[in-house]
C-alpha atoms as a PDB file:
ATOM      1  CA  MET A   1      74.757  76.425  87.331  1.00  0.00           C
ATOM      2  CA  ASN A   2      76.651  76.566  90.610  1.00  0.00           C
ATOM      3  CA  THR A   3      74.763  78.859  92.992  1.00  0.00           C
ATOM      4  CA  GLU A   4      76.906  78.042  96.006  1.00  0.00           C
ATOM      5  CA  PHE A   5      78.774  80.858  97.727  1.00  0.00           C
ATOM      6  CA  ILE A   6      82.238  79.804  98.692  1.00  0.00           C
ATOM      7  CA  THR A   7      84.547  81.895 100.792  1.00  0.00           C
ATOM      8  CA  SER A   8      87.029  81.326 103.533  1.00  0.00           C
ATOM      9  CA  VAL A   9      88.223  83.585 106.277  1.00  0.00           C
ATOM     10  CA  PRO A  10      91.989  83.381 106.696  1.00  0.00           C
ATOM     11  CA  ILE A  11      93.021  82.338 110.179  1.00  0.00           C
ATOM     12  CA  LEU A  12      95.723  84.553 111.652  1.00  0.00           C
ATOM     13  CA  GLN A  13      97.698  83.774 114.781  1.00  0.00           C
ATOM     14  CA  THR A  14      99.865  85.754 117.124  1.00  0.00           C
ATOM     15  CA  GLN A  15     101.650  84.626 120.245  1.00  0.00           C
ATOM     16  CA  ARG A  16      98.493  84.934 122.360  1.00  0.00           C
ATOM     17  CA  LEU A  17      95.649  85.290 119.874  1.00  0.00           C
ATOM     18  CA  LEU A  18      93.697  83.412 117.242  1.00  0.00           C
ATOM     19  CA  LEU A  19      91.944  85.604 114.663  1.00  0.00           C
ATOM     20  CA  ARG A  20      89.165  83.541 113.132  1.00  0.00           C
ATOM     21  CA  GLU A  21      85.729  83.667 111.496  1.00  0.00           C
ATOM     22  CA  TYR A  22      82.712  84.911 113.407  1.00  0.00           C
ATOM     23  CA  ARG A  23      80.591  82.163 114.938  1.00  0.00           C
ATOM     24  CA  ARG A  24      77.007  82.331 116.140  1.00  0.00           C
ATOM     25  CA  GLU A  25      78.174  81.681 119.712  1.00  0.00           C
ATOM     26  CA  ASP A  26      80.283  84.884 119.534  1.00  0.00           C
ATOM     27  CA  PHE A  27      77.207  87.058 119.236  1.00  0.00           C
ATOM     28  CA  ASP A  28      76.304  87.473 122.915  1.00  0.00           C
ATOM     29  CA  ALA A  29      79.689  89.044 123.706  1.00  0.00           C
ATOM     30  CA  PHE A  30      79.506  91.184 120.555  1.00  0.00           C
ATOM     31  CA  ALA A  31      75.997  92.421 121.417  1.00  0.00           C
ATOM     32  CA  ALA A  32      77.007  93.216 124.995  1.00  0.00           C
ATOM     33  CA  HIS A  33      79.934  95.257 123.677  1.00  0.00           C
ATOM     34  CA  CYS A  34      77.698  97.188 121.276  1.00  0.00           C
ATOM     35  CA  ALA A  35      75.144  97.920 124.010  1.00  0.00           C
ATOM     36  CA  ASP A  36      77.695  99.020 126.635  1.00  0.00           C
ATOM     37  CA  PRO A  37      77.849 102.842 126.506  1.00  0.00           C
ATOM     38  CA  VAL A  38      81.455 102.860 127.770  1.00  0.00           C
ATOM     39  CA  SER A  39      82.710 100.196 125.343  1.00  0.00           C
ATOM     40  CA  ALA A  40      80.782 101.654 122.422  1.00  0.00           C
ATOM     41  CA  ALA A  41      81.593 105.303 123.176  1.00  0.00           C
ATOM     42  CA  HIS A  42      83.443 105.707 119.858  1.00  0.00           C
ATOM     43  CA  LEU A  43      81.092 103.465 117.880  1.00  0.00           C
ATOM     44  CA  VAL A  44      77.441 103.787 117.055  1.00  0.00           C
ATOM     45  CA  PRO A  45      75.767 102.266 120.138  1.00  0.00           C
ATOM     46  CA  ALA A  46      73.461  99.427 119.136  1.00  0.00           C
ATOM     47  CA  ASP A  47      70.701  97.456 120.807  1.00  0.00           C
ATOM     48  CA  ARG A  48      70.604  93.692 120.285  1.00  0.00           C
ATOM     49  CA  PRO A  49      68.680  93.695 116.955  1.00  0.00           C
ATOM     50  CA  ALA A  50      70.983  96.388 115.510  1.00  0.00           C
ATOM     51  CA  ALA A  51      74.040  94.524 116.851  1.00  0.00           C
ATOM     52  CA  TRP A  52      72.832  91.395 115.024  1.00  0.00           C
ATOM     53  CA  ARG A  53      72.642  93.319 111.749  1.00  0.00           C
ATOM     54  CA  ILE A  54      76.165  94.701 112.289  1.00  0.00           C
ATOM     55  CA  PHE A  55      77.524  91.275 113.258  1.00  0.00           C
ATOM     56  CA  CYS A  56      76.026  89.634 110.161  1.00  0.00           C
ATOM     57  CA  SER A  57      77.144  92.483 107.906  1.00  0.00           C
ATOM     58  CA  GLN A  58      80.703  92.254 109.166  1.00  0.00           C
ATOM     59  CA  ALA A  59      80.734  88.494 108.660  1.00  0.00           C
ATOM     60  CA  GLY A  60      79.210  88.895 105.191  1.00  0.00           C
ATOM     61  CA  LEU A  61      81.883  91.295 103.987  1.00  0.00           C
ATOM     62  CA  TRP A  62      84.079  88.271 103.286  1.00  0.00           C
ATOM     63  CA  LEU A  63      81.691  87.248 100.491  1.00  0.00           C
ATOM     64  CA  LEU A  64      81.815  90.653  98.821  1.00  0.00           C
ATOM     65  CA  ASP A  65      85.478  91.634  98.983  1.00  0.00           C
ATOM     66  CA  ASP A  66      87.423  88.677 100.370  1.00  0.00           C
ATOM     67  CA  ALA A  67      88.035  90.965 103.333  1.00  0.00           C
ATOM     68  CA  GLY A  68      86.116  91.527 106.543  1.00  0.00           C
ATOM     69  CA  TRP A  69      86.149  91.066 110.293  1.00  0.00           C
ATOM     70  CA  TRP A  70      87.684  88.433 112.538  1.00  0.00           C
ATOM     71  CA  ALA A  71      86.705  87.334 116.017  1.00  0.00           C
ATOM     72  CA  VAL A  72      89.716  87.701 118.339  1.00  0.00           C
ATOM     73  CA  GLU A  73      90.102  84.724 120.642  1.00  0.00           C
ATOM     74  CA  GLU A  74      92.658  84.303 123.413  1.00  0.00           C
ATOM     75  CA  LYS A  75      94.455  81.030 122.604  1.00  0.00           C
ATOM     76  CA  GLU A  76      95.156  80.009 126.186  1.00  0.00           C
ATOM     77  CA  THR A  77      91.577  80.331 127.432  1.00  0.00           C
ATOM     78  CA  GLY A  78      89.426  80.296 124.288  1.00  0.00           C
ATOM     79  CA  ARG A  79      87.748  83.509 125.505  1.00  0.00           C
ATOM     80  CA  LEU A  80      86.552  85.994 122.913  1.00  0.00           C
ATOM     81  CA  VAL A  81      88.365  89.283 123.630  1.00  0.00           C
ATOM     82  CA  GLY A  82      87.157  91.438 120.732  1.00  0.00           C
ATOM     83  CA  SER A  83      86.968  91.795 116.984  1.00  0.00           C
ATOM     84  CA  ILE A  84      89.201  93.230 114.306  1.00  0.00           C
ATOM     85  CA  GLY A  85      88.642  94.056 110.686  1.00  0.00           C
ATOM     86  CA  ALA A  86      90.432  94.724 107.426  1.00  0.00           C
ATOM     87  CA  PHE A  87      87.609  95.645 105.082  1.00  0.00           C
ATOM     88  CA  PHE A  88      86.344  98.059 102.441  1.00  0.00           C
ATOM     89  CA  ARG A  89      83.582 100.590 102.949  1.00  0.00           C
ATOM     90  CA  GLU A  90      81.163 100.971 100.070  1.00  0.00           C
ATOM     91  CA  GLU A  91      82.712 104.193  98.728  1.00  0.00           C
ATOM     92  CA  SER A  92      86.370 103.362  99.341  1.00  0.00           C
ATOM     93  CA  THR A  93      89.059 101.487  97.458  1.00  0.00           C
ATOM     94  CA  VAL A  94      91.418 101.798 100.446  1.00  0.00           C
ATOM     95  CA  MET A  95      91.332  98.924 102.924  1.00  0.00           C
ATOM     96  CA  GLU A  96      90.257 100.064 106.367  1.00  0.00           C
ATOM     97  CA  LEU A  97      91.415  98.618 109.664  1.00  0.00           C
ATOM     98  CA  GLY A  98      89.168  98.629 112.704  1.00  0.00           C
ATOM     99  CA  TRP A  99      89.534  97.059 116.138  1.00  0.00           C
ATOM    100  CA  ASN A 100      87.393  96.560 119.228  1.00  0.00           C
ATOM    101  CA  THR A 101      88.536  95.018 122.475  1.00  0.00           C
ATOM    102  CA  TYR A 102      85.763  94.062 124.869  1.00  0.00           C
ATOM    103  CA  ARG A 103      85.950  96.077 128.076  1.00  0.00           C
ATOM    104  CA  ALA A 104      86.911  93.175 130.366  1.00  0.00           C
ATOM    105  CA  PHE A 105      90.096  92.830 128.284  1.00  0.00           C
ATOM    106  CA  TRP A 106      91.186  96.475 127.988  1.00  0.00           C
ATOM    107  CA  GLY A 107      94.771  97.304 128.854  1.00  0.00           C
ATOM    108  CA  GLN A 108      96.200  93.871 128.041  1.00  0.00           C
ATOM    109  CA  GLY A 109      97.686  94.718 124.635  1.00  0.00           C
ATOM    110  CA  PHE A 110      95.222  92.588 122.653  1.00  0.00           C
ATOM    111  CA  ALA A 111      94.300  95.406 120.245  1.00  0.00           C
ATOM    112  CA  ASN A 112      97.973  96.117 119.488  1.00  0.00           C
ATOM    113  CA  GLU A 113      98.763  92.446 118.926  1.00  0.00           C
ATOM    114  CA  ALA A 114      95.743  91.724 116.731  1.00  0.00           C
ATOM    115  CA  ALA A 115      96.090  94.964 114.755  1.00  0.00           C
ATOM    116  CA  ALA A 116      99.767  94.283 114.008  1.00  0.00           C
ATOM    117  CA  ALA A 117      98.839  90.847 112.603  1.00  0.00           C
ATOM    118  CA  VAL A 118      96.039  92.289 110.472  1.00  0.00           C
ATOM    119  CA  LEU A 119      98.222  95.148 109.225  1.00  0.00           C
ATOM    120  CA  HIS A 120     100.850  92.615 108.126  1.00  0.00           C
ATOM    121  CA  HIS A 121      98.156  90.552 106.416  1.00  0.00           C
ATOM    122  CA  ALA A 122      96.786  93.618 104.590  1.00  0.00           C
ATOM    123  CA  LEU A 123     100.101  95.061 103.427  1.00  0.00           C
ATOM    124  CA  GLU A 124     102.314  92.011 102.991  1.00  0.00           C
ATOM    125  CA  VAL A 125      99.952  89.118 102.198  1.00  0.00           C
ATOM    126  CA  ARG A 126      97.167  90.930 100.317  1.00  0.00           C
ATOM    127  CA  ARG A 127      99.666  93.508  99.031  1.00  0.00           C
ATOM    128  CA  GLU A 128      97.280  96.414  99.584  1.00  0.00           C
ATOM    129  CA  PRO A 129      99.061  99.646  98.593  1.00  0.00           C
ATOM    130  CA  LYS A 130      97.605 101.575 101.524  1.00  0.00           C
ATOM    131  CA  VAL A 131      95.483 101.063 104.610  1.00  0.00           C
ATOM    132  CA  ARG A 132      93.537 103.510 106.716  1.00  0.00           C
ATOM    133  CA  ALA A 133      91.822 103.735 110.079  1.00  0.00           C
ATOM    134  CA  LEU A 134      89.073 106.204 110.975  1.00  0.00           C
ATOM    135  CA  ILE A 135      89.531 107.338 114.581  1.00  0.00           C
ATOM    136  CA  ALA A 136      87.833 109.991 116.696  1.00  0.00           C
ATOM    137  CA  ALA A 137      90.215 112.458 118.336  1.00  0.00           C
ATOM    138  CA  ALA A 138      88.890 111.509 121.779  1.00  0.00           C
ATOM    139  CA  ASN A 139      89.642 107.806 121.238  1.00  0.00           C
ATOM    140  CA  GLU A 140      93.071 107.902 122.839  1.00  0.00           C
ATOM    141  CA  SER A 141      93.532 104.138 123.092  1.00  0.00           C
ATOM    142  CA  SER A 142      92.879 103.624 119.356  1.00  0.00           C
ATOM    143  CA  LEU A 143      95.162 106.539 118.525  1.00  0.00           C
ATOM    144  CA  ARG A 144      97.945 104.809 120.506  1.00  0.00           C
ATOM    145  CA  VAL A 145      97.353 101.596 118.538  1.00  0.00           C
ATOM    146  CA  ALA A 146      97.466 103.544 115.259  1.00  0.00           C
ATOM    147  CA  ARG A 147     100.764 105.197 116.232  1.00  0.00           C
ATOM    148  CA  ARG A 148     102.290 101.820 117.151  1.00  0.00           C
ATOM    149  CA  LEU A 149     101.242 100.540 113.731  1.00  0.00           C
ATOM    150  CA  GLY A 150     102.935 103.465 112.000  1.00  0.00           C
ATOM    151  CA  LEU A 151      99.701 105.076 110.792  1.00  0.00           C
ATOM    152  CA  SER A 152      99.900 108.850 110.310  1.00  0.00           C
ATOM    153  CA  PHE A 153      97.181 111.478 110.284  1.00  0.00           C
ATOM    154  CA  GLU A 154      96.190 112.300 106.713  1.00  0.00           C
ATOM    155  CA  ALA A 155      92.984 114.336 106.966  1.00  0.00           C
ATOM    156  CA  GLY A 156      89.761 114.814 108.830  1.00  0.00           C
ATOM    157  CA  THR A 157      86.363 113.532 107.731  1.00  0.00           C
ATOM    158  CA  GLU A 158      82.980 112.600 109.132  1.00  0.00           C
ATOM    159  CA  LEU A 159      81.651 109.163 110.024  1.00  0.00           C
ATOM    160  CA  TYR A 160      78.031 108.736 111.126  1.00  0.00           C
ATOM    161  CA  GLY A 161      77.842 112.471 111.834  1.00  0.00           C
ATOM    162  CA  LYS A 162      80.978 112.499 114.006  1.00  0.00           C
ATOM    163  CA  ALA A 163      84.331 114.076 113.198  1.00  0.00           C
ATOM    164  CA  VAL A 164      87.109 111.523 112.803  1.00  0.00           C
ATOM    165  CA  GLY A 165      90.675 111.523 111.590  1.00  0.00           C
ATOM    166  CA  ILE A 166      91.890 109.426 108.694  1.00  0.00           C
ATOM    167  CA  TYR A 167      95.139 107.693 109.664  1.00  0.00           C
ATOM    168  CA  THR A 168      97.024 105.908 106.893  1.00  0.00           C
ATOM    169  CA  ARG A 169     100.060 103.835 106.136  1.00  0.00           C
ATOM    170  CA  GLU A 170     101.400 102.813 102.756  1.00  0.00           C
ATOM    171  CA  ARG A 171     103.043  99.487 102.012  1.00  0.00           C
ATOM    172  CA  GLY A 172     106.783  99.773 102.421  1.00  0.00           C
ATOM    173  CA  SER A 173     106.658 102.848 104.642  1.00  0.00           C
ATOM    174  CA  PRO A 174     108.710 102.716 107.849  1.00  0.00           C
ATOM    175  CA  VAL A 175     107.004 102.373 111.218  1.00  0.00           C
END
């Protein structure tokens, strides 16, 4: 009996970015982001042990659904600038997009660039019929990214006790 887990994380590239698997050496930057109250204002703030559980869970999603989170690396410098995901929540059959740019890299267009690559991967490579993003109304920067991606408000819901909007886009719909 083969008890070996085998999965691979697709590597995506943009002009400036490499989207790749999480590595252990990425964790310090990830944990700092999760612990920073400004960076994590629209997330669930997490101390280092909780950040480790999140980091491992996001990496492990690839084993469950062949979908998950990528580390976002700047090609020119090799610096980790954030993370981005195309994944499924437990109760959902709709692929969800999520993005986080670490605060030192805000305002440089990395979220837009990475999210456009992941959206293309989800809709055109995986052929998902629909994608969604859950975004708090106060998260203006993520709302701008969603608009640039052609995601439209569908409904409101709750995530971790906070009100969020569900923004969606179907395959084949115009931007």
